Amino acid sequence: MTIVGVSFDSPSANQAWAEEEGYTFDLWTDDDKTLALYYGAARNESTSIPDRITRLLGADGAVLLEYDDVNYSTSPQDVLEDCQALFGGQ
């Protein structure tokens, strides 16, 4: 399993924020908003701040689970529980 965060921020801003927060996963820069538009985090190219969403993708890139209303306090646990239900104890 690989976790990736995506934002419109520059690579240096993403790196600084990840270090500040203690994140160990990759943060990608989507400066042309391609991923945000494709996965629904931006409505159009003029969107300045993406919606906070989560997409769980299979190895083939297919969307397995979608979370459009991310609650910061419960989302990680919700996703983990859904993954355990979907994939078992793998």
Protein backbone atom coordinates (compact mmCIF):
# COMPACT_ATOMS: atom_id res chain seq x y z
CA MET A 1 0.00 0.00 0.00
CA THR A 2 1.20 3.51 -0.84
CA ILE A 3 -0.19 6.74 0.59
CA VAL A 4 0.16 9.92 -1.45
CA GLY A 5 -1.10 13.39 -0.66
CA VAL A 6 -1.71 15.88 -3.45
CA SER A 7 -2.00 19.66 -3.30
CA PHE A 8 -1.59 22.74 -5.47
CA ASP A 9 1.36 23.89 -3.33
CA SER A 10 4.92 23.93 -4.62
CA PRO A 11 7.18 20.93 -3.93
CA SER A 12 9.19 22.98 -1.41
CA ALA A 13 6.04 24.08 0.42
CA ASN A 14 4.77 20.48 0.46
CA GLN A 15 8.10 19.26 1.83
CA ALA A 16 8.18 21.91 4.56
CA TRP A 17 4.60 21.14 5.58
CA ALA A 18 5.23 17.38 5.62
CA GLU A 19 8.28 17.86 7.81
CA GLU A 20 6.37 20.19 10.14
CA GLU A 21 3.52 17.68 10.49
CA GLY A 22 5.80 14.64 10.67
CA TYR A 23 4.27 13.00 7.58
CA THR A 24 6.25 10.18 6.04
CA PHE A 25 4.19 9.75 2.88
CA ASP A 26 4.80 11.48 -0.44
CA LEU A 27 3.16 14.81 -1.22
CA TRP A 28 2.74 15.55 -4.89
CA THR A 29 2.27 18.94 -6.50
CA ASP A 30 -0.70 19.20 -8.86
CA ASP A 31 0.08 22.67 -10.17
CA ASP A 32 -1.89 22.19 -13.39
CA LYS A 33 -4.82 20.68 -11.42
CA THR A 34 -4.98 17.58 -13.61
CA LEU A 35 -5.46 15.16 -10.70
CA ALA A 36 -7.84 17.48 -8.84
CA LEU A 37 -10.06 17.84 -11.89
CA TYR A 38 -9.95 14.12 -12.70
CA TYR A 39 -10.80 12.94 -9.18
CA GLY A 40 -13.26 15.73 -8.34
CA ALA A 41 -11.27 17.85 -5.89
CA ALA A 42 -11.59 20.88 -8.21
CA ARG A 43 -14.60 21.99 -10.20
CA ASN A 44 -12.58 23.85 -12.83
CA GLU A 45 -9.09 25.12 -13.63
CA SER A 46 -9.63 28.36 -11.74
CA THR A 47 -10.20 26.56 -8.42
CA SER A 48 -7.62 27.99 -6.02
CA ILE A 49 -8.04 25.48 -3.16
CA PRO A 50 -8.94 21.84 -3.79
CA ASP A 51 -11.69 20.11 -1.84
CA ARG A 52 -10.42 17.70 0.80
CA ILE A 53 -11.22 14.29 -0.60
CA THR A 54 -9.82 10.78 -0.34
CA ARG A 55 -9.62 8.23 -3.14
CA LEU A 56 -8.48 4.67 -2.60
CA LEU A 57 -7.09 3.26 -5.83
CA GLY A 58 -6.38 -0.33 -6.76
CA ALA A 59 -3.08 -1.41 -8.26
CA ASP A 60 -4.64 -0.91 -11.71
CA GLY A 61 -5.61 2.69 -10.90
CA ALA A 62 -9.33 1.96 -10.58
CA VAL A 63 -11.13 3.86 -7.82
CA LEU A 64 -12.13 1.39 -5.10
CA LEU A 65 -13.45 3.78 -2.46
CA GLU A 66 -14.36 7.47 -2.53
CA TYR A 67 -14.69 9.89 0.36
CA ASP A 68 -16.04 13.28 -0.64
CA ASP A 69 -16.84 14.59 2.84
CA VAL A 70 -13.57 14.19 4.72
CA ASN A 71 -13.78 14.67 8.49
CA TYR A 72 -10.25 15.35 9.74
CA SER A 73 -10.76 13.71 13.11
CA THR A 74 -12.38 10.48 11.90
CA SER A 75 -11.33 10.04 8.27
CA PRO A 76 -8.08 8.11 8.82
CA GLN A 77 -9.84 5.61 11.08
CA ASP A 78 -12.83 5.35 8.71
CA VAL A 79 -10.56 4.61 5.74
CA LEU A 80 -8.56 2.07 7.75
CA GLU A 81 -11.73 0.26 8.84
CA ASP A 82 -13.07 0.24 5.28
CA CYS A 83 -9.75 -1.15 4.00
CA GLN A 84 -9.79 -3.89 6.63
CA ALA A 85 -13.36 -4.80 5.64
CA LEU A 86 -12.49 -4.72 1.94
CA PHE A 87 -9.11 -6.45 2.04
CA GLY A 88 -9.20 -8.36 5.31
CA GLY A 89 -6.08 -8.60 7.42
CA GLN A 90 -3.67 -8.36 4.48
